[in-house]
Each structure stands twice: as structure tokens, then as C-alpha cells.
Amino acid sequence: MGKLPNAVVWLYLIASALAFCAYALDKSAAQKDQWRIKESTLHFLGGWPGALVAQKVLRHKSKKQSFRIVFWITVFINCAVFYWLLTPAGNDFLKSILGSI
């Protein structure tokens, strides 16, 4: 198993913070009956750890079953990709991507 570069750790932290903020903005908009962030956008942002914390802390998007199903599917996919990045093939792929930046 390979070791992930620090850039990946930072990407997860930043994506989680952005996801939490997006959930907070959407919760605020819902309470004020204003324009909302699309559910597909919330899923696409990634940062599922931050999204999960937001669901628990803000109690937002935590009851709608259809949203939760898609959310957990995206978490599974994200974890699978994360695990793959730890394999030699995934690690080589990641190094080739980061090396081109």
C-alpha cells in the first residue's frame, strides 16, 4: 500500500469545509424560503466528512430518504476511490496527476 501525498489530505480537508459551508448556506436559505443549492451540487462537492458533520450538527438533509441514499452511494464511491489510491496502481496514477500540476 502506498502513502498518500499531503495534497490529497488537504484536498479532503478543504472539500469537507466547503461541503459544511454549502450545507449551512442551504439550511439558512431553506429557513428563509430563499434560493436553494441543488441537491446534485451538494453531492458533487465531495467532502463527505464535512457533509456528514453538517447533517448531524445542522440537522439538514438528514431525513430526506432519497437524498440520504444518494449521499451514502457517493460516500461508498469516494471511499472506494480513496482505497484504490492507496494501492500501487492508484498511487502511481496519483503521482502522475500531481506531477503534471
PDB file of N, CA and C in Angstrom:
ATOM      1  N   MET A   1       0.836  -1.184   0.000  1.00  0.00           N
ATOM      2  CA  MET A   1       0.000   0.000   0.000  1.00  0.00           C
ATOM      3  C   MET A   1       0.881   1.248   0.000  1.00  0.00           C
ATOM      4  N   GLY A   2       0.492   2.201  -0.807  1.00  0.00           N
ATOM      5  CA  GLY A   2       1.241   3.438  -0.908  1.00  0.00           C
ATOM      6  C   GLY A   2       0.823   4.439   0.149  1.00  0.00           C
ATOM      7  N   LYS A   3       1.533   5.526   0.181  1.00  0.00           N
ATOM      8  CA  LYS A   3       1.220   6.618   1.101  1.00  0.00           C
ATOM      9  C   LYS A   3       0.666   7.761   0.272  1.00  0.00           C
ATOM     10  N   LEU A   4      -0.392   8.375   0.764  1.00  0.00           N
ATOM     11  CA  LEU A   4      -0.998   9.486   0.033  1.00  0.00           C
ATOM     12  C   LEU A   4      -0.186  10.760   0.221  1.00  0.00           C
ATOM     13  N   PRO A   5      -0.043  11.534  -0.833  1.00  0.00           N
ATOM     14  CA  PRO A   5       0.634  12.833  -0.719  1.00  0.00           C
ATOM     15  C   PRO A   5      -0.180  13.790   0.157  1.00  0.00           C
ATOM     16  N   ASN A   6       0.501  14.740   0.744  1.00  0.00           N
ATOM     17  CA  ASN A   6      -0.173  15.735   1.591  1.00  0.00           C
ATOM     18  C   ASN A   6      -1.254  16.492   0.833  1.00  0.00           C
ATOM     19  N   ALA A   7      -1.081  16.643  -0.469  1.00  0.00           N
ATOM     20  CA  ALA A   7      -2.071  17.366  -1.272  1.00  0.00           C
ATOM     21  C   ALA A   7      -3.446  16.706  -1.189  1.00  0.00           C
ATOM     22  N   VAL A   8      -3.464  15.385  -1.119  1.00  0.00           N
ATOM     23  CA  VAL A   8      -4.748  14.670  -1.033  1.00  0.00           C
ATOM     24  C   VAL A   8      -5.405  14.929   0.321  1.00  0.00           C
ATOM     25  N   VAL A   9      -4.617  14.934   1.368  1.00  0.00           N
ATOM     26  CA  VAL A   9      -5.146  15.215   2.706  1.00  0.00           C
ATOM     27  C   VAL A   9      -5.744  16.623   2.738  1.00  0.00           C
ATOM     28  N   TRP A  10      -5.001  17.576   2.190  1.00  0.00           N
ATOM     29  CA  TRP A  10      -5.505  18.954   2.151  1.00  0.00           C
ATOM     30  C   TRP A  10      -6.769  19.069   1.303  1.00  0.00           C
ATOM     31  N   LEU A  11      -6.796  18.331   0.201  1.00  0.00           N
ATOM     32  CA  LEU A  11      -7.987  18.340  -0.654  1.00  0.00           C
ATOM     33  C   LEU A  11      -9.206  17.850   0.116  1.00  0.00           C
ATOM     34  N   TYR A  12      -9.048  16.772   0.874  1.00  0.00           N
ATOM     35  CA  TYR A  12     -10.155  16.259   1.687  1.00  0.00           C
ATOM     36  C   TYR A  12     -10.593  17.278   2.738  1.00  0.00           C
ATOM     37  N   LEU A  13      -9.637  17.910   3.398  1.00  0.00           N
ATOM     38  CA  LEU A  13      -9.977  18.906   4.422  1.00  0.00           C
ATOM     39  C   LEU A  13     -10.704  20.109   3.823  1.00  0.00           C
ATOM     40  N   ILE A  14     -10.204  20.598   2.706  1.00  0.00           N
ATOM     41  CA  ILE A  14     -10.823  21.760   2.060  1.00  0.00           C
ATOM     42  C   ILE A  14     -12.205  21.404   1.524  1.00  0.00           C
ATOM     43  N   ALA A  15     -12.320  20.246   0.878  1.00  0.00           N
ATOM     44  CA  ALA A  15     -13.623  19.817   0.349  1.00  0.00           C
ATOM     45  C   ALA A  15     -14.631  19.628   1.483  1.00  0.00           C
ATOM     46  N   SER A  16     -14.182  19.106   2.606  1.00  0.00           N
ATOM     47  CA  SER A  16     -15.076  18.919   3.753  1.00  0.00           C
ATOM     48  C   SER A  16     -15.544  20.258   4.315  1.00  0.00           C
ATOM     49  N   ALA A  17     -14.631  21.208   4.405  1.00  0.00           N
ATOM     50  CA  ALA A  17     -15.000  22.536   4.899  1.00  0.00           C
ATOM     51  C   ALA A  17     -15.981  23.216   3.945  1.00  0.00           C
ATOM     52  N   LEU A  18     -15.725  23.097   2.636  1.00  0.00           N
ATOM     53  CA  LEU A  18     -16.639  23.680   1.646  1.00  0.00           C
ATOM     54  C   LEU A  18     -18.013  23.016   1.695  1.00  0.00           C
ATOM     55  N   ALA A  19     -18.024  21.701   1.847  1.00  0.00           N
ATOM     56  CA  ALA A  19     -19.301  20.985   1.935  1.00  0.00           C
ATOM     57  C   ALA A  19     -20.085  21.437   3.161  1.00  0.00           C
ATOM     58  N   PHE A  20     -19.398  21.558   4.302  1.00  0.00           N
ATOM     59  CA  PHE A  20     -20.076  22.011   5.516  1.00  0.00           C
ATOM     60  C   PHE A  20     -20.673  23.397   5.303  1.00  0.00           C
ATOM     61  N   CYS A  21     -19.892  24.294   4.701  1.00  0.00           N
ATOM     62  CA  CYS A  21     -20.381  25.657   4.438  1.00  0.00           C
ATOM     63  C   CYS A  21     -21.564  25.647   3.473  1.00  0.00           C
ATOM     64  N   ALA A  22     -21.514  24.804   2.455  1.00  0.00           N
ATOM     65  CA  ALA A  22     -22.618  24.726   1.497  1.00  0.00           C
ATOM     66  C   ALA A  22     -23.889  24.237   2.189  1.00  0.00           C
ATOM     67  N   TYR A  23     -23.773  23.249   3.055  1.00  0.00           N
ATOM     68  CA  TYR A  23     -24.937  22.759   3.804  1.00  0.00           C
ATOM     69  C   TYR A  23     -25.480  23.867   4.708  1.00  0.00           C
ATOM     70  N   ALA A  24     -24.577  24.618   5.341  1.00  0.00           N
ATOM     71  CA  ALA A  24     -25.014  25.709   6.225  1.00  0.00           C
ATOM     72  C   ALA A  24     -25.740  26.786   5.431  1.00  0.00           C
ATOM     73  N   LEU A  25     -25.208  27.139   4.260  1.00  0.00           N
ATOM     74  CA  LEU A  25     -25.884  28.131   3.415  1.00  0.00           C
ATOM     75  C   LEU A  25     -27.244  27.636   2.953  1.00  0.00           C
ATOM     76  N   ASP A  26     -27.304  26.369   2.568  1.00  0.00           N
ATOM     77  CA  ASP A  26     -28.564  25.799   2.109  1.00  0.00           C
ATOM     78  C   ASP A  26     -29.588  25.726   3.243  1.00  0.00           C
ATOM     79  N   LYS A  27     -29.145  25.382   4.425  1.00  0.00           N
ATOM     80  CA  LYS A  27     -30.036  25.342   5.595  1.00  0.00           C
ATOM     81  C   LYS A  27     -30.584  26.739   5.879  1.00  0.00           C
ATOM     82  N   SER A  28     -29.720  27.739   5.829  1.00  0.00           N
ATOM     83  CA  SER A  28     -30.154  29.111   6.060  1.00  0.00           C
ATOM     84  C   SER A  28     -31.155  29.557   4.999  1.00  0.00           C
ATOM     85  N   ALA A  29     -30.881  29.228   3.753  1.00  0.00           N
ATOM     86  CA  ALA A  29     -31.801  29.587   2.664  1.00  0.00           C
ATOM     87  C   ALA A  29     -33.139  28.877   2.824  1.00  0.00           C
ATOM     88  N   ALA A  30     -33.116  27.632   3.270  1.00  0.00           N
ATOM     89  CA  ALA A  30     -34.363  26.883   3.476  1.00  0.00           C
ATOM     90  C   ALA A  30     -35.204  27.540   4.561  1.00  0.00           C
ATOM     91  N   GLN A  31     -34.560  27.994   5.612  1.00  0.00           N
ATOM     92  CA  GLN A  31     -35.281  28.634   6.704  1.00  0.00           C
ATOM     93  C   GLN A  31     -35.877  29.979   6.292  1.00  0.00           C
ATOM     94  N   LYS A  32     -35.244  30.646   5.330  1.00  0.00           N
ATOM     95  CA  LYS A  32     -35.704  31.964   4.876  1.00  0.00           C
ATOM     96  C   LYS A  32     -36.535  31.875   3.598  1.00  0.00           C
ATOM     97  N   ASP A  33     -36.797  30.660   3.148  1.00  0.00           N
ATOM     98  CA  ASP A  33     -37.556  30.428   1.918  1.00  0.00           C
ATOM     99  C   ASP A  33     -36.921  31.167   0.733  1.00  0.00           C
ATOM    100  N   GLN A  34     -35.599  31.032   0.622  1.00  0.00           N
ATOM    101  CA  GLN A  34     -34.842  31.659  -0.454  1.00  0.00           C
ATOM    102  C   GLN A  34     -34.318  30.595  -1.414  1.00  0.00           C
ATOM    103  N   TRP A  35     -33.579  31.060  -2.436  1.00  0.00           N
ATOM    104  CA  TRP A  35     -32.981  30.164  -3.415  1.00  0.00           C
ATOM    105  C   TRP A  35     -32.119  29.137  -2.712  1.00  0.00           C
ATOM    106  N   ARG A  36     -32.224  27.876  -3.147  1.00  0.00           N
ATOM    107  CA  ARG A  36     -31.515  26.760  -2.514  1.00  0.00           C
ATOM    108  C   ARG A  36     -30.419  26.215  -3.415  1.00  0.00           C
ATOM    109  N   ILE A  37     -29.464  25.568  -2.818  1.00  0.00           N
ATOM    110  CA  ILE A  37     -28.416  24.866  -3.557  1.00  0.00           C
ATOM    111  C   ILE A  37     -29.001  23.539  -4.028  1.00  0.00           C
ATOM    112  N   LYS A  38     -28.759  23.190  -5.304  1.00  0.00           N
ATOM    113  CA  LYS A  38     -29.275  21.930  -5.832  1.00  0.00           C
ATOM    114  C   LYS A  38     -28.689  20.760  -5.052  1.00  0.00           C
ATOM    115  N   GLU A  39     -29.507  19.730  -4.869  1.00  0.00           N
ATOM    116  CA  GLU A  39     -29.024  18.538  -4.181  1.00  0.00           C
ATOM    117  C   GLU A  39     -27.860  17.907  -4.936  1.00  0.00           C
ATOM    118  N   SER A  40     -27.933  17.918  -6.255  1.00  0.00           N
ATOM    119  CA  SER A  40     -26.839  17.329  -7.049  1.00  0.00           C
ATOM    120  C   SER A  40     -25.536  18.090  -6.805  1.00  0.00           C
ATOM    121  N   THR A  41     -25.623  19.385  -6.585  1.00  0.00           N
ATOM    122  CA  THR A  41     -24.423  20.179  -6.281  1.00  0.00           C
ATOM    123  C   THR A  41     -23.860  19.784  -4.926  1.00  0.00           C
ATOM    124  N   LEU A  42     -24.732  19.587  -3.952  1.00  0.00           N
ATOM    125  CA  LEU A  42     -24.266  19.166  -2.630  1.00  0.00           C
ATOM    126  C   LEU A  42     -23.550  17.819  -2.710  1.00  0.00           C
ATOM    127  N   HIS A  43     -24.067  16.919  -3.548  1.00  0.00           N
ATOM    128  CA  HIS A  43     -23.414  15.621  -3.716  1.00  0.00           C
ATOM    129  C   HIS A  43     -22.095  15.765  -4.463  1.00  0.00           C
ATOM    130  N   PHE A  44     -22.066  16.616  -5.472  1.00  0.00           N
ATOM    131  CA  PHE A  44     -20.896  16.753  -6.334  1.00  0.00           C
ATOM    132  C   PHE A  44     -19.719  17.420  -5.621  1.00  0.00           C
ATOM    133  N   LEU A  45     -19.993  18.216  -4.605  1.00  0.00           N
ATOM    134  CA  LEU A  45     -18.930  18.936  -3.895  1.00  0.00           C
ATOM    135  C   LEU A  45     -17.902  18.003  -3.280  1.00  0.00           C
ATOM    136  N   GLY A  46     -18.308  16.785  -3.010  1.00  0.00           N
ATOM    137  CA  GLY A  46     -17.398  15.887  -2.303  1.00  0.00           C
ATOM    138  C   GLY A  46     -17.338  16.311  -0.845  1.00  0.00           C
ATOM    139  N   GLY A  47     -16.242  16.052  -0.212  1.00  0.00           N
ATOM    140  CA  GLY A  47     -16.113  16.459   1.186  1.00  0.00           C
ATOM    141  C   GLY A  47     -17.144  15.809   2.081  1.00  0.00           C
ATOM    142  N   TRP A  48     -17.373  14.516   1.845  1.00  0.00           N
ATOM    143  CA  TRP A  48     -18.437  13.850   2.589  1.00  0.00           C
ATOM    144  C   TRP A  48     -18.253  13.897   4.107  1.00  0.00           C
ATOM    145  N   PRO A  49     -17.023  13.908   4.654  1.00  0.00           N
ATOM    146  CA  PRO A  49     -16.939  14.019   6.115  1.00  0.00           C
ATOM    147  C   PRO A  49     -17.559  15.331   6.630  1.00  0.00           C
ATOM    148  N   GLY A  50     -17.286  16.431   5.920  1.00  0.00           N
ATOM    149  CA  GLY A  50     -17.882  17.713   6.311  1.00  0.00           C
ATOM    150  C   GLY A  50     -19.381  17.720   6.109  1.00  0.00           C
ATOM    151  N   ALA A  51     -19.834  17.073   5.045  1.00  0.00           N
ATOM    152  CA  ALA A  51     -21.277  16.980   4.785  1.00  0.00           C
ATOM    153  C   ALA A  51     -21.968  16.164   5.871  1.00  0.00           C
ATOM    154  N   LEU A  52     -21.333  15.079   6.292  1.00  0.00           N
ATOM    155  CA  LEU A  52     -21.915  14.242   7.336  1.00  0.00           C
ATOM    156  C   LEU A  52     -22.002  15.003   8.657  1.00  0.00           C
ATOM    157  N   VAL A  53     -20.949  15.746   8.982  1.00  0.00           N
ATOM    158  CA  VAL A  53     -20.976  16.566  10.200  1.00  0.00           C
ATOM    159  C   VAL A  53     -22.088  17.610  10.102  1.00  0.00           C
ATOM    160  N   ALA A  54     -22.228  18.238   8.938  1.00  0.00           N
ATOM    161  CA  ALA A  54     -23.277  19.245   8.753  1.00  0.00           C
ATOM    162  C   ALA A  54     -24.656  18.625   8.916  1.00  0.00           C
ATOM    163  N   GLN A  55     -24.842  17.427   8.388  1.00  0.00           N
ATOM    164  CA  GLN A  55     -26.141  16.765   8.531  1.00  0.00           C
ATOM    165  C   GLN A  55     -26.472  16.534  10.001  1.00  0.00           C
ATOM    166  N   LYS A  56     -25.468  16.170  10.777  1.00  0.00           N
ATOM    167  CA  LYS A  56     -25.691  15.896  12.204  1.00  0.00           C
ATOM    168  C   LYS A  56     -25.830  17.182  13.013  1.00  0.00           C
ATOM    169  N   VAL A  57     -24.899  18.107  12.819  1.00  0.00           N
ATOM    170  CA  VAL A  57     -24.866  19.331  13.628  1.00  0.00           C
ATOM    171  C   VAL A  57     -25.998  20.284  13.249  1.00  0.00           C
ATOM    172  N   LEU A  58     -26.170  20.493  11.938  1.00  0.00           N
ATOM    173  CA  LEU A  58     -27.179  21.447  11.465  1.00  0.00           C
ATOM    174  C   LEU A  58     -28.555  20.811  11.301  1.00  0.00           C
ATOM    175  N   ARG A  59     -28.592  19.490  11.377  1.00  0.00           N
ATOM    176  CA  ARG A  59     -29.822  18.727  11.137  1.00  0.00           C
ATOM    177  C   ARG A  59     -30.438  19.127   9.799  1.00  0.00           C
ATOM    178  N   HIS A  60     -29.583  19.085   8.779  1.00  0.00           N
ATOM    179  CA  HIS A  60     -30.001  19.476   7.439  1.00  0.00           C
ATOM    180  C   HIS A  60     -29.756  18.323   6.479  1.00  0.00           C
ATOM    181  N   LYS A  61     -30.737  18.016   5.667  1.00  0.00           N
ATOM    182  CA  LYS A  61     -30.669  16.929   4.686  1.00  0.00           C
ATOM    183  C   LYS A  61     -30.449  15.589   5.372  1.00  0.00           C
ATOM    184  N   SER A  62     -30.939  15.470   6.589  1.00  0.00           N
ATOM    185  CA  SER A  62     -30.709  14.248   7.345  1.00  0.00           C
ATOM    186  C   SER A  62     -31.927  13.325   7.375  1.00  0.00           C
ATOM    187  N   LYS A  63     -33.054  13.789   6.857  1.00  0.00           N
ATOM    188  CA  LYS A  63     -34.268  12.971   6.900  1.00  0.00           C
ATOM    189  C   LYS A  63     -34.789  12.578   5.529  1.00  0.00           C
ATOM    190  N   LYS A  64     -34.472  13.332   4.512  1.00  0.00           N
ATOM    191  CA  LYS A  64     -34.990  13.043   3.173  1.00  0.00           C
ATOM    192  C   LYS A  64     -34.333  11.770   2.648  1.00  0.00           C
ATOM    193  N   GLN A  65     -35.120  10.707   2.552  1.00  0.00           N
ATOM    194  CA  GLN A  65     -34.589   9.388   2.227  1.00  0.00           C
ATOM    195  C   GLN A  65     -33.874   9.338   0.881  1.00  0.00           C
ATOM    196  N   SER A  66     -34.451   9.957  -0.146  1.00  0.00           N
ATOM    197  CA  SER A  66     -33.822   9.908  -1.469  1.00  0.00           C
ATOM    198  C   SER A  66     -32.462  10.594  -1.455  1.00  0.00           C
ATOM    199  N   PHE A  67     -32.337  11.682  -0.727  1.00  0.00           N
ATOM    200  CA  PHE A  67     -31.056  12.375  -0.617  1.00  0.00           C
ATOM    201  C   PHE A  67     -30.048  11.507   0.118  1.00  0.00           C
ATOM    202  N   ARG A  68     -30.497  10.894   1.210  1.00  0.00           N
ATOM    203  CA  ARG A  68     -29.587  10.069   2.017  1.00  0.00           C
ATOM    204  C   ARG A  68     -29.071   8.866   1.238  1.00  0.00           C
ATOM    205  N   ILE A  69     -29.907   8.270   0.418  1.00  0.00           N
ATOM    206  CA  ILE A  69     -29.471   7.117  -0.378  1.00  0.00           C
ATOM    207  C   ILE A  69     -28.358   7.532  -1.332  1.00  0.00           C
ATOM    208  N   VAL A  70     -28.581   8.626  -2.062  1.00  0.00           N
ATOM    209  CA  VAL A  70     -27.554   9.103  -2.997  1.00  0.00           C
ATOM    210  C   VAL A  70     -26.303   9.524  -2.229  1.00  0.00           C
ATOM    211  N   PHE A  71     -26.488  10.163  -1.096  1.00  0.00           N
ATOM    212  CA  PHE A  71     -25.342  10.577  -0.282  1.00  0.00           C
ATOM    213  C   PHE A  71     -24.476   9.374   0.081  1.00  0.00           C
ATOM    214  N   TRP A  72     -25.084   8.309   0.588  1.00  0.00           N
ATOM    215  CA  TRP A  72     -24.308   7.143   1.004  1.00  0.00           C
ATOM    216  C   TRP A  72     -23.686   6.414  -0.183  1.00  0.00           C
ATOM    217  N   ILE A  73     -24.323   6.469  -1.335  1.00  0.00           N
ATOM    218  CA  ILE A  73     -23.707   5.914  -2.544  1.00  0.00           C
ATOM    219  C   ILE A  73     -22.447   6.702  -2.885  1.00  0.00           C
ATOM    220  N   THR A  74     -22.527   8.035  -2.800  1.00  0.00           N
ATOM    221  CA  THR A  74     -21.340   8.852  -3.099  1.00  0.00           C
ATOM    222  C   THR A  74     -20.238   8.618  -2.067  1.00  0.00           C
ATOM    223  N   VAL A  75     -20.611   8.398  -0.811  1.00  0.00           N
ATOM    224  CA  VAL A  75     -19.609   8.096   0.221  1.00  0.00           C
ATOM    225  C   VAL A  75     -18.909   6.781  -0.120  1.00  0.00           C
ATOM    226  N   PHE A  76     -19.686   5.767  -0.499  1.00  0.00           N
ATOM    227  CA  PHE A  76     -19.103   4.473  -0.859  1.00  0.00           C
ATOM    228  C   PHE A  76     -18.138   4.612  -2.033  1.00  0.00           C
ATOM    229  N   ILE A  77     -18.556   5.332  -3.064  1.00  0.00           N
ATOM    230  CA  ILE A  77     -17.704   5.530  -4.240  1.00  0.00           C
ATOM    231  C   ILE A  77     -16.427   6.270  -3.844  1.00  0.00           C
ATOM    232  N   ASN A  78     -16.584   7.314  -3.028  1.00  0.00           N
ATOM    233  CA  ASN A  78     -15.430   8.087  -2.582  1.00  0.00           C
ATOM    234  C   ASN A  78     -14.451   7.222  -1.794  1.00  0.00           C
ATOM    235  N   CYS A  79     -14.963   6.399  -0.899  1.00  0.00           N
ATOM    236  CA  CYS A  79     -14.097   5.532  -0.102  1.00  0.00           C
ATOM    237  C   CYS A  79     -13.409   4.491  -0.976  1.00  0.00           C
ATOM    238  N   ALA A  80     -14.122   3.975  -1.975  1.00  0.00           N
ATOM    239  CA  ALA A  80     -13.523   3.000  -2.891  1.00  0.00           C
ATOM    240  C   ALA A  80     -12.375   3.630  -3.676  1.00  0.00           C
ATOM    241  N   VAL A  81     -12.590   4.849  -4.160  1.00  0.00           N
ATOM    242  CA  VAL A  81     -11.534   5.548  -4.902  1.00  0.00           C
ATOM    243  C   VAL A  81     -10.367   5.861  -3.962  1.00  0.00           C
ATOM    244  N   PHE A  82     -10.677   6.289  -2.770  1.00  0.00           N
ATOM    245  CA  PHE A  82      -9.639   6.581  -1.781  1.00  0.00           C
ATOM    246  C   PHE A  82      -8.800   5.330  -1.512  1.00  0.00           C
ATOM    247  N   TYR A  83      -9.451   4.203  -1.313  1.00  0.00           N
ATOM    248  CA  TYR A  83      -8.747   2.946  -1.083  1.00  0.00           C
ATOM    249  C   TYR A  83      -7.879   2.601  -2.287  1.00  0.00           C
ATOM    250  N   TRP A  84      -8.430   2.764  -3.498  1.00  0.00           N
ATOM    251  CA  TRP A  84      -7.673   2.473  -4.710  1.00  0.00           C
ATOM    252  C   TRP A  84      -6.425   3.351  -4.802  1.00  0.00           C
ATOM    253  N   LEU A  85      -6.535   4.609  -4.374  1.00  0.00           N
ATOM    254  CA  LEU A  85      -5.374   5.495  -4.403  1.00  0.00           C
ATOM    255  C   LEU A  85      -4.255   5.005  -3.489  1.00  0.00           C
ATOM    256  N   LEU A  86      -4.594   4.185  -2.504  1.00  0.00           N
ATOM    257  CA  LEU A  86      -3.586   3.623  -1.613  1.00  0.00           C
ATOM    258  C   LEU A  86      -2.871   2.408  -2.211  1.00  0.00           C
ATOM    259  N   THR A  87      -3.418   1.855  -3.284  1.00  0.00           N
ATOM    260  CA  THR A  87      -2.777   0.716  -3.942  1.00  0.00           C
ATOM    261  C   THR A  87      -1.622   1.223  -4.799  1.00  0.00           C
ATOM    262  N   PRO A  88      -0.702   0.347  -5.158  1.00  0.00           N
ATOM    263  CA  PRO A  88       0.415   0.791  -6.012  1.00  0.00           C
ATOM    264  C   PRO A  88      -0.059   1.427  -7.324  1.00  0.00           C
ATOM    265  N   ALA A  89      -1.070   0.828  -7.976  1.00  0.00           N
ATOM    266  CA  ALA A  89      -1.564   1.395  -9.242  1.00  0.00           C
ATOM    267  C   ALA A  89      -2.199   2.764  -9.022  1.00  0.00           C
ATOM    268  N   GLY A  90      -2.998   2.894  -7.981  1.00  0.00           N
ATOM    269  CA  GLY A  90      -3.639   4.169  -7.674  1.00  0.00           C
ATOM    270  C   GLY A  90      -2.632   5.221  -7.277  1.00  0.00           C
ATOM    271  N   ASN A  91      -1.637   4.802  -6.519  1.00  0.00           N
ATOM    272  CA  ASN A  91      -0.597   5.726  -6.089  1.00  0.00           C
ATOM    273  C   ASN A  91       0.220   6.222  -7.277  1.00  0.00           C
ATOM    274  N   ASP A  92       0.528   5.322  -8.213  1.00  0.00           N
ATOM    275  CA  ASP A  92       1.241   5.731  -9.429  1.00  0.00           C
ATOM    276  C   ASP A  92       0.411   6.715 -10.244  1.00  0.00           C
ATOM    277  N   PHE A  93      -0.889   6.434 -10.344  1.00  0.00           N
ATOM    278  CA  PHE A  93      -1.796   7.335 -11.077  1.00  0.00           C
ATOM    279  C   PHE A  93      -1.803   8.709 -10.410  1.00  0.00           C
ATOM    280  N   LEU A  94      -1.935   8.727  -9.100  1.00  0.00           N
ATOM    281  CA  LEU A  94      -1.966   9.991  -8.359  1.00  0.00           C
ATOM    282  C   LEU A  94      -0.679  10.773  -8.539  1.00  0.00           C
ATOM    283  N   LYS A  95       0.446  10.084  -8.486  1.00  0.00           N
ATOM    284  CA  LYS A  95       1.735  10.752  -8.688  1.00  0.00           C
ATOM    285  C   LYS A  95       1.853  11.335 -10.099  1.00  0.00           C
ATOM    286  N   SER A  96       1.297  10.619 -11.091  1.00  0.00           N
ATOM    287  CA  SER A  96       1.346  11.146 -12.461  1.00  0.00           C
ATOM    288  C   SER A  96       0.471  12.392 -12.597  1.00  0.00           C
ATOM    289  N   ILE A  97      -0.656  12.407 -11.900  1.00  0.00           N
ATOM    290  CA  ILE A  97      -1.543  13.584 -11.937  1.00  0.00           C
ATOM    291  C   ILE A  97      -0.894  14.749 -11.204  1.00  0.00           C
ATOM    292  N   LEU A  98      -0.402  14.509 -10.000  1.00  0.00           N
ATOM    293  CA  LEU A  98       0.203  15.582  -9.211  1.00  0.00           C
ATOM    294  C   LEU A  98       1.508  16.072  -9.817  1.00  0.00           C
ATOM    295  N   GLY A  99       2.191  15.186 -10.518  1.00  0.00           N
ATOM    296  CA  GLY A  99       3.427  15.582 -11.170  1.00  0.00           C
ATOM    297  C   GLY A  99       3.210  16.505 -12.343  1.00  0.00           C
ATOM    298  N   SER A 100       1.999  16.450 -12.923  1.00  0.00           N
ATOM    299  CA  SER A 100       1.700  17.295 -14.085  1.00  0.00           C
ATOM    300  C   SER A 100       1.153  18.657 -13.694  1.00  0.00           C
ATOM    301  N   ILE A 101       0.953  18.875 -12.410  1.00  0.00           N
ATOM    302  CA  ILE A 101       0.410  20.161 -11.941  1.00  0.00           C
ATOM    303  C   ILE A 101       1.540  21.128 -11.705  1.00  0.00           C
TER     304      ILE A 101
END
